[in-house]
Amino acid sequence: MQRTCVGCRSVGPAEELVRLVVGPEGEVVVDLAGGAFGRGAWVHTRPECIQKAAPAGLSRSLKCEVRASADTVIETLRAAAVRRTRGLLVAARRTRTLEAGASAVEEAVRERRAELLLVATDARASADFAWLQPLIASGQALAFGNKTTFAEWLGRPETALVAITDARIARHAKQAILWTMLEGPRAETSGARLRTSSEAG
């Protein structure tokens, strides 16, 4: 399904854009699931597109007053992406497609079951594992959150490494995590903070 970005006006696949819904007071809600009720428009998750979309592009497209600035939209998107990542990790745990802890994750990597690895940003020792370095370099492992975040989300002791073994969940989780990397105000939810993969060590 193709959508038109209200920022750059180009057409692209829906999975490359996010839906923004404008409320009655001109506030903007990020609808990552694409099904929220309200007047909405689509935008690429690129700072330059969001800058053009908020508020001018959205106001023009939806023919209503939009008060949210681009920085506010980016901050809202980042926070929504953190919440979505949490939901995906919980779903992976529930469906038994998540491994946690260095030994379990290393085994999943060795057996080629790991679709995506998450490395806590305070996992200094774990980031030194030789088998992990190529995965960080290739983007299959991302630095995200911290050990306390994973403990809270997964209901287990502090955890430095997590692997998702379901390809669909891993794809959506990676997309959500990359959304939290957007330039703009930092979004921190449940103690989660994302940096680039090169900062994992």
Protein backbone atom coordinates (compact mmCIF):
# COMPACT_ATOMS: atom_id res chain seq x y z
CA MET A 1 0.00 0.00 0.00
CA GLN A 2 1.35 3.39 -1.03
CA ARG A 3 1.09 6.58 1.03
CA THR A 4 1.97 10.21 0.36
CA CYS A 5 4.28 11.97 2.80
CA VAL A 6 2.84 15.33 3.89
CA GLY A 7 6.39 16.59 4.31
CA CYS A 8 8.19 15.88 1.04
CA ARG A 9 5.00 14.99 -0.92
CA SER A 10 6.58 11.86 -2.39
CA VAL A 11 4.79 8.52 -2.48
CA GLY A 12 6.21 5.44 -0.80
CA PRO A 13 5.31 2.13 0.88
CA ALA A 14 3.21 2.53 4.04
CA GLU A 15 5.81 0.67 6.13
CA GLU A 16 8.30 3.48 5.46
CA LEU A 17 5.99 6.15 6.90
CA VAL A 18 4.07 6.71 10.11
CA ARG A 19 0.54 8.02 10.56
CA LEU A 20 0.00 11.25 12.46
CA VAL A 21 -3.45 11.96 13.88
CA VAL A 22 -4.50 15.50 14.76
CA GLY A 23 -6.74 16.01 17.77
CA PRO A 24 -9.43 18.66 18.33
CA GLU A 25 -7.00 21.10 19.98
CA GLY A 26 -4.42 20.81 17.21
CA GLU A 27 -2.31 18.29 19.10
CA VAL A 28 -0.58 15.49 17.19
CA VAL A 29 -0.67 11.82 18.15
CA VAL A 30 1.65 9.28 16.54
CA ASP A 31 -0.32 6.23 15.42
CA LEU A 32 2.31 3.53 14.90
CA ALA A 33 -0.33 0.83 14.49
CA GLY A 34 -2.08 2.82 11.77
CA GLY A 35 -5.58 2.38 13.15
CA ALA A 36 -6.25 5.23 15.58
CA PHE A 37 -9.48 7.15 15.12
CA GLY A 38 -9.23 10.70 13.84
CA ARG A 39 -8.03 12.82 10.94
CA GLY A 40 -4.63 11.58 9.94
CA ALA A 41 -1.82 11.97 7.46
CA TRP A 42 1.39 10.09 6.75
CA VAL A 43 4.99 11.24 6.99
CA HIS A 44 8.42 9.76 6.48
CA THR A 45 10.33 9.26 9.71
CA ARG A 46 13.03 11.66 8.60
CA PRO A 47 13.72 14.93 10.44
CA GLU A 48 13.52 16.95 7.24
CA CYS A 49 10.09 15.51 6.36
CA ILE A 50 8.77 16.06 9.87
CA GLN A 51 10.06 19.64 9.79
CA LYS A 52 8.01 20.27 6.66
CA ALA A 53 5.00 18.37 7.96
CA ALA A 54 4.62 20.10 11.32
CA PRO A 55 2.81 22.28 11.47
CA ALA A 56 2.50 23.59 7.89
CA GLY A 57 2.20 20.36 5.91
CA LEU A 58 -0.33 18.82 8.28
CA SER A 59 -2.38 22.01 8.45
CA ARG A 60 -2.48 22.24 4.66
CA SER A 61 -3.23 18.56 4.11
CA LEU A 62 -5.92 18.20 6.76
CA LYS A 63 -7.32 21.74 6.38
CA CYS A 64 -7.19 22.40 10.10
CA GLU A 65 -4.96 24.21 12.56
CA VAL A 66 -2.04 22.13 13.79
CA ARG A 67 -0.17 23.57 16.74
CA ALA A 68 2.47 20.91 17.29
CA SER A 69 6.03 21.80 16.31
CA ALA A 70 8.36 19.42 14.52
CA ASP A 71 10.35 18.92 17.71
CA THR A 72 7.18 17.96 19.57
CA VAL A 73 6.24 15.47 16.86
CA ILE A 74 9.71 13.91 16.94
CA GLU A 75 9.61 13.66 20.74
CA THR A 76 6.15 12.08 20.56
CA LEU A 77 7.30 9.64 17.88
CA ARG A 78 10.34 8.59 19.87
CA ALA A 79 8.29 7.98 23.01
CA ALA A 80 5.72 5.98 21.03
CA ALA A 81 8.52 3.92 19.47
CA VAL A 82 9.92 3.07 22.91
CA ARG A 83 6.48 1.89 24.03
CA ARG A 84 6.10 -0.16 20.85
CA THR A 85 9.49 -1.78 21.40
CA ARG A 86 8.45 -2.73 24.92
CA GLY A 87 5.24 -4.27 23.61
CA LEU A 88 7.11 -6.27 20.99
CA LEU A 89 9.61 -7.61 23.53
CA VAL A 90 6.78 -8.65 25.83
CA ALA A 91 5.05 -10.34 22.87
CA ALA A 92 8.25 -12.19 21.99
CA ARG A 93 8.61 -13.37 25.59
CA ARG A 94 4.97 -14.51 25.64
CA THR A 95 5.40 -16.50 22.42
CA ARG A 96 8.72 -17.96 23.58
CA THR A 97 10.59 -16.29 20.74
CA LEU A 98 12.92 -14.32 23.01
CA GLU A 99 16.19 -15.34 24.61
CA ALA A 100 17.72 -13.36 27.46
CA GLY A 101 21.13 -13.49 29.08
CA ALA A 102 24.57 -13.97 27.55
CA SER A 103 24.57 -17.79 27.43
CA ALA A 104 21.08 -18.14 25.95
CA VAL A 105 21.69 -15.37 23.40
CA GLU A 106 25.06 -16.80 22.35
CA GLU A 107 23.43 -20.19 21.82
CA ALA A 108 20.69 -18.62 19.69
CA VAL A 109 23.34 -16.86 17.60
CA ARG A 110 25.34 -20.07 17.20
CA GLU A 111 22.22 -21.95 16.10
CA ARG A 112 21.31 -19.12 13.70
CA ARG A 113 17.97 -18.53 15.44
CA ALA A 114 18.66 -14.94 16.49
CA GLU A 115 16.99 -12.43 14.16
CA LEU A 116 17.81 -9.34 16.25
CA LEU A 117 19.97 -8.74 19.31
CA LEU A 118 19.52 -5.91 21.79
CA VAL A 119 22.48 -4.90 23.94
CA ALA A 120 21.87 -2.82 27.06
CA THR A 121 23.80 0.44 26.85
CA ASP A 122 25.31 -0.22 30.27
CA ALA A 123 26.45 -3.74 29.27
CA ARG A 124 30.15 -2.93 29.02
CA ALA A 125 31.42 -6.48 29.57
CA SER A 126 28.87 -8.11 27.25
CA ALA A 127 29.78 -5.77 24.40
CA ASP A 128 33.30 -7.21 24.44
CA PHE A 129 32.17 -10.69 23.40
CA ALA A 130 33.98 -11.60 20.17
CA TRP A 131 30.88 -13.22 18.66
CA LEU A 132 28.85 -10.06 19.26
CA GLN A 133 31.13 -7.58 17.52
CA PRO A 134 30.29 -8.61 13.91
CA LEU A 135 26.57 -8.43 14.73
CA ILE A 136 26.94 -4.90 16.10
CA ALA A 137 28.90 -3.89 13.01
CA SER A 138 26.26 -5.34 10.65
CA GLY A 139 23.32 -3.77 12.47
CA GLN A 140 21.87 -7.11 13.58
CA ALA A 141 22.63 -6.06 17.16
CA LEU A 142 21.51 -2.68 18.45
CA ALA A 143 22.29 -0.83 21.66
CA PHE A 144 19.03 -0.10 23.42
CA GLY A 145 17.76 0.56 26.92
CA ASN A 146 19.68 -0.66 29.93
CA LYS A 147 19.81 -3.71 32.18
CA THR A 148 17.17 -2.33 34.51
CA THR A 149 14.85 -1.60 31.58
CA PHE A 150 15.04 -5.20 30.37
CA ALA A 151 14.50 -6.49 33.92
CA GLU A 152 11.34 -4.39 34.31
CA TRP A 153 9.95 -5.20 30.88
CA LEU A 154 10.69 -8.93 30.93
CA GLY A 155 10.08 -9.65 34.61
CA ARG A 156 13.52 -11.15 35.24
CA PRO A 157 16.81 -10.17 36.91
CA GLU A 158 18.91 -7.46 35.29
CA THR A 159 19.69 -8.52 31.74
CA ALA A 160 22.35 -7.18 29.39
CA LEU A 161 21.57 -9.15 26.21
CA VAL A 162 18.29 -10.06 24.53
CA ALA A 163 17.69 -11.93 21.27
CA ILE A 164 14.44 -12.06 19.31
CA THR A 165 14.06 -15.25 17.28
CA ASP A 166 10.81 -14.44 15.46
CA ALA A 167 11.56 -12.71 12.14
CA ARG A 168 8.38 -10.61 12.05
CA ILE A 169 8.67 -9.37 15.62
CA ALA A 170 12.38 -8.69 15.08
CA ARG A 171 11.67 -6.64 11.95
CA HIS A 172 9.09 -4.48 13.70
CA ALA A 173 11.27 -4.10 16.79
CA LYS A 174 14.24 -2.96 14.75
CA GLN A 175 12.09 -0.44 12.91
CA ALA A 176 10.73 0.93 16.19
CA ILE A 177 14.20 1.19 17.69
CA LEU A 178 15.50 3.04 14.65
CA TRP A 179 12.60 5.47 15.04
CA THR A 180 13.83 6.26 18.54
CA MET A 181 17.14 7.34 17.00
CA LEU A 182 15.55 10.30 15.21
CA GLU A 183 17.36 13.56 15.79
CA GLY A 184 15.51 15.85 18.16
CA PRO A 185 14.54 15.92 21.83
CA ARG A 186 15.47 12.79 23.79
CA ALA A 187 12.59 10.50 24.67
CA GLU A 188 12.99 8.36 27.76
CA THR A 189 10.25 5.93 28.76
CA SER A 190 10.60 3.37 31.53
CA GLY A 191 14.28 4.24 31.74
CA ALA A 192 14.98 3.29 28.14
CA ARG A 193 17.57 5.21 26.19
CA LEU A 194 18.83 4.39 22.74
CA ARG A 195 22.20 5.20 21.24
CA THR A 196 23.84 4.11 18.03
CA SER A 197 25.19 0.56 17.91
CA SER A 198 28.77 1.82 17.99
CA GLU A 199 28.16 3.02 21.55
CA ALA A 200 27.26 -0.43 22.84
CA GLY A 201 30.75 -1.02 24.24
